[in-house]
Protein backbone atom coordinates (compact mmCIF):
# COMPACT_ATOMS: atom_id res chain seq x y z
CA UNK A 1 14.89 -19.04 30.19
CA UNK A 2 16.51 -20.16 26.73
CA UNK A 3 13.06 -21.36 25.86
CA UNK A 4 11.61 -17.97 26.86
CA UNK A 5 14.28 -15.79 24.82
CA UNK A 6 14.34 -17.71 21.75
CA UNK A 7 10.53 -17.25 21.99
CA UNK A 8 10.47 -13.73 22.40
CA UNK A 9 13.49 -13.12 19.75
CA UNK A 10 11.43 -15.03 17.38
CA UNK A 11 8.09 -13.38 18.03
CA UNK A 12 9.58 -9.62 17.95
CA UNK A 13 11.22 -10.39 14.45
CA UNK A 14 7.55 -11.33 12.88
CA UNK A 15 6.55 -8.28 12.87
CA UNK A 16 9.30 -7.72 10.22
CA UNK A 17 11.84 -4.78 9.89
CA UNK A 18 11.50 -1.61 7.63
CA UNK A 19 14.85 0.22 6.42
CA UNK A 20 12.87 3.47 7.04
CA UNK A 21 13.62 6.06 9.75
CA UNK A 22 11.16 7.51 11.70
CA UNK A 23 12.35 10.63 14.18
CA UNK A 24 13.92 9.73 17.51
CA UNK A 25 11.03 10.95 19.14
CA UNK A 26 8.58 9.34 21.32
CA UNK A 27 5.58 7.19 20.03
CA UNK A 28 2.55 8.74 19.91
CA UNK A 29 -0.97 7.25 21.67
CA UNK A 30 -2.03 6.78 17.95
CA UNK A 31 0.98 4.92 17.09
CA UNK A 32 1.36 2.92 20.51
CA UNK A 33 -3.14 2.05 19.53
CA UNK A 34 -1.86 0.70 15.77
CA UNK A 35 0.74 -1.35 17.08
CA UNK A 36 -1.24 -2.87 19.53
CA UNK A 37 -3.55 -3.97 17.03
CA UNK A 38 -0.91 -5.10 15.17
CA UNK A 39 0.19 -7.33 17.55
CA UNK A 40 -3.14 -8.71 18.43
CA UNK A 41 -4.19 -9.38 14.67
CA UNK A 42 -0.89 -10.62 13.68
CA UNK A 43 -1.32 -13.32 16.33
CA UNK A 44 2.23 -11.90 18.33
CA UNK A 45 0.04 -11.91 21.68
CA UNK A 46 -1.54 -15.62 21.95
CA UNK A 47 2.00 -16.45 21.02
CA UNK A 48 3.41 -13.86 24.18
CA UNK A 49 0.73 -15.21 26.44
CA UNK A 50 2.28 -18.87 25.38
CA UNK A 51 5.59 -17.38 27.77
CA UNK A 52 3.94 -16.74 31.07
CA UNK A 53 2.96 -20.18 31.83
CA UNK A 54 7.03 -21.52 31.20
CA UNK A 55 7.79 -18.57 32.83
CA UNK A 56 5.46 -19.63 36.25
CA UNK A 57 6.64 -23.32 35.73
CA UNK A 58 10.38 -22.17 36.12
CA UNK A 59 9.50 -19.97 39.00
CA UNK A 60 7.47 -22.79 40.76
CA UNK A 61 10.45 -25.37 40.23
CA UNK A 62 12.56 -22.81 41.64
CA UNK A 63 10.14 -21.80 45.22
CA UNK A 64 8.73 -25.32 45.94
CA UNK A 65 7.65 -23.47 49.02
CA UNK A 66 5.15 -20.85 47.94
CA UNK A 67 1.57 -21.63 47.50
CA UNK A 68 -0.08 -23.14 44.23
CA UNK A 69 -2.62 -20.16 44.46
CA UNK A 70 -0.20 -17.70 44.72
CA UNK A 71 1.16 -18.80 41.13
CA UNK A 72 -1.96 -19.08 39.98
CA UNK A 73 -3.24 -15.28 41.50
CA UNK A 74 0.09 -14.20 39.98
CA UNK A 75 0.29 -15.49 36.61
CA UNK A 76 -3.91 -14.35 35.97
CA UNK A 77 -2.67 -11.11 37.21
CA UNK A 78 0.37 -11.19 34.63
CA UNK A 79 -1.85 -12.21 31.58
CA UNK A 80 -4.26 -8.80 32.07
CA UNK A 81 -1.54 -6.58 31.52
CA UNK A 82 0.94 -8.60 29.55
CA UNK A 83 -0.23 -6.84 25.72
CA UNK A 84 -0.41 -3.45 27.12
CA UNK A 85 2.96 -4.16 28.82
CA UNK A 86 4.33 -5.41 25.89
CA UNK A 87 3.40 -2.75 23.61
CA UNK A 88 4.24 0.01 25.54
CA UNK A 89 8.41 -1.10 26.19
CA UNK A 90 8.10 -2.44 22.48
CA UNK A 91 6.76 0.98 20.76
CA UNK A 92 9.98 3.09 20.47
CA UNK A 93 11.79 0.19 19.47
CA UNK A 94 8.98 -0.45 16.14
CA UNK A 95 9.06 3.69 15.86
CA UNK A 96 12.38 3.30 14.95
CA UNK A 97 12.08 1.27 12.08
CA UNK A 98 8.42 1.36 11.01
CA UNK A 99 5.99 4.56 10.84
CA UNK A 100 2.52 4.24 11.47
CA UNK A 101 1.17 3.69 7.50
CA UNK A 102 3.71 0.82 8.09
CA UNK A 103 1.93 -0.46 10.90
CA UNK A 104 -1.42 0.19 9.43
CA UNK A 105 -0.66 -1.61 6.28
CA UNK A 106 0.87 -5.21 8.09
CA UNK A 107 -2.30 -4.64 9.97
CA UNK A 108 -4.26 -5.06 6.62
CA UNK A 109 -2.40 -7.37 5.40
CA UNK A 110 -2.82 -9.60 9.00
CA UNK A 111 -6.63 -8.84 8.71
CA UNK A 112 -6.70 -10.54 4.81
CA UNK A 113 -7.84 -13.76 4.44
CA UNK A 114 -3.94 -15.07 4.45
CA UNK A 115 -2.93 -13.07 7.24
CA UNK A 116 -5.56 -14.38 9.55
CA UNK A 117 -4.47 -17.85 8.24
CA UNK A 118 -0.70 -16.61 9.07
CA UNK A 119 -2.26 -15.18 12.29
CA UNK A 120 -3.72 -18.30 13.90
CA UNK A 121 -0.84 -20.36 12.88
CA UNK A 122 1.72 -18.10 15.00
CA UNK A 123 1.61 -19.92 18.07
CA UNK A 124 2.06 -23.22 16.80
CA UNK A 125 4.99 -22.24 14.87
CA UNK A 126 6.66 -20.50 17.83
CA UNK A 127 5.77 -23.59 19.72
CA UNK A 128 7.34 -26.17 16.96
CA UNK A 129 9.99 -23.60 16.42
CA UNK A 130 11.29 -23.50 19.71
CA UNK A 131 11.78 -27.22 19.99
CA UNK A 132 13.81 -26.49 17.08
CA UNK A 133 15.66 -24.13 18.04
CA UNK A 134 16.97 -25.85 21.13
CA UNK A 135 17.84 -28.86 18.38
CA UNK A 136 19.55 -26.47 16.57
CA UNK A 137 21.30 -25.42 19.98
CA UNK A 138 22.42 -28.58 20.96
CA UNK A 139 23.91 -29.70 17.21
CA UNK A 140 25.94 -26.28 17.69
CA UNK A 141 26.95 -27.08 21.14
CA UNK A 142 28.71 -30.78 20.16
CA UNK A 143 29.89 -29.52 17.21
CA UNK A 144 31.91 -26.92 19.13
CA UNK A 145 32.88 -29.64 21.50
CA UNK A 146 34.31 -32.00 19.20
CA UNK A 147 36.17 -29.15 17.68
CA UNK A 148 37.69 -28.20 21.17
CA UNK A 149 38.29 -32.44 21.68
CA UNK A 150 39.86 -31.87 18.28
CA UNK A 151 42.18 -29.22 18.92
CA UNK A 152 42.74 -30.67 22.49
CA UNK A 153 41.36 -28.02 24.79
CA UNK A 154 38.78 -30.61 26.28
C-alpha cells in the first residue's frame, strides 16, 4: 500500500504547483478536458496505470480464494475508466492552484520535443523512484530505531 501511495504522491506532483489561485467554484467541462489532456500528454496516465496491477496483486494475495477470472475482468474494467475517474477527482484540486491557461501552457510544454521525452520517461522514473523511496524510508526507519535504542526507549 505504501508503494501505491508513494506513486500517487509522486505522480500528482508531476504537474507542478502554481501560486495562482482560482475561484473556489467547480471546474468547467473545458477545464476538466484540459486537465485530462495535460495528464495524458504528460505521461501521468501511464504512470497511474502502473498502480492498478500492483493494487490487484495485493488484493489477490489477501483474497486467494477469488478466481483469477474475476481479477482479470475487474482489472480490465478499472483500466477503462481510470483516467476519467481520476481526472474528475483531481480537477477541483488542480483548479484551486492552476488556471485553464496554466494547464494549456503545461500541455504545450509536454507537446514539445523535450516534454514528449519527459512524458515517455515518466513511468520508468516513477517505478525507479518508488524503489528509491522504499530504500529512503527504510534508511529513516533504521536511523530512528538506532536513536530510540541509544536513548534507551527500545
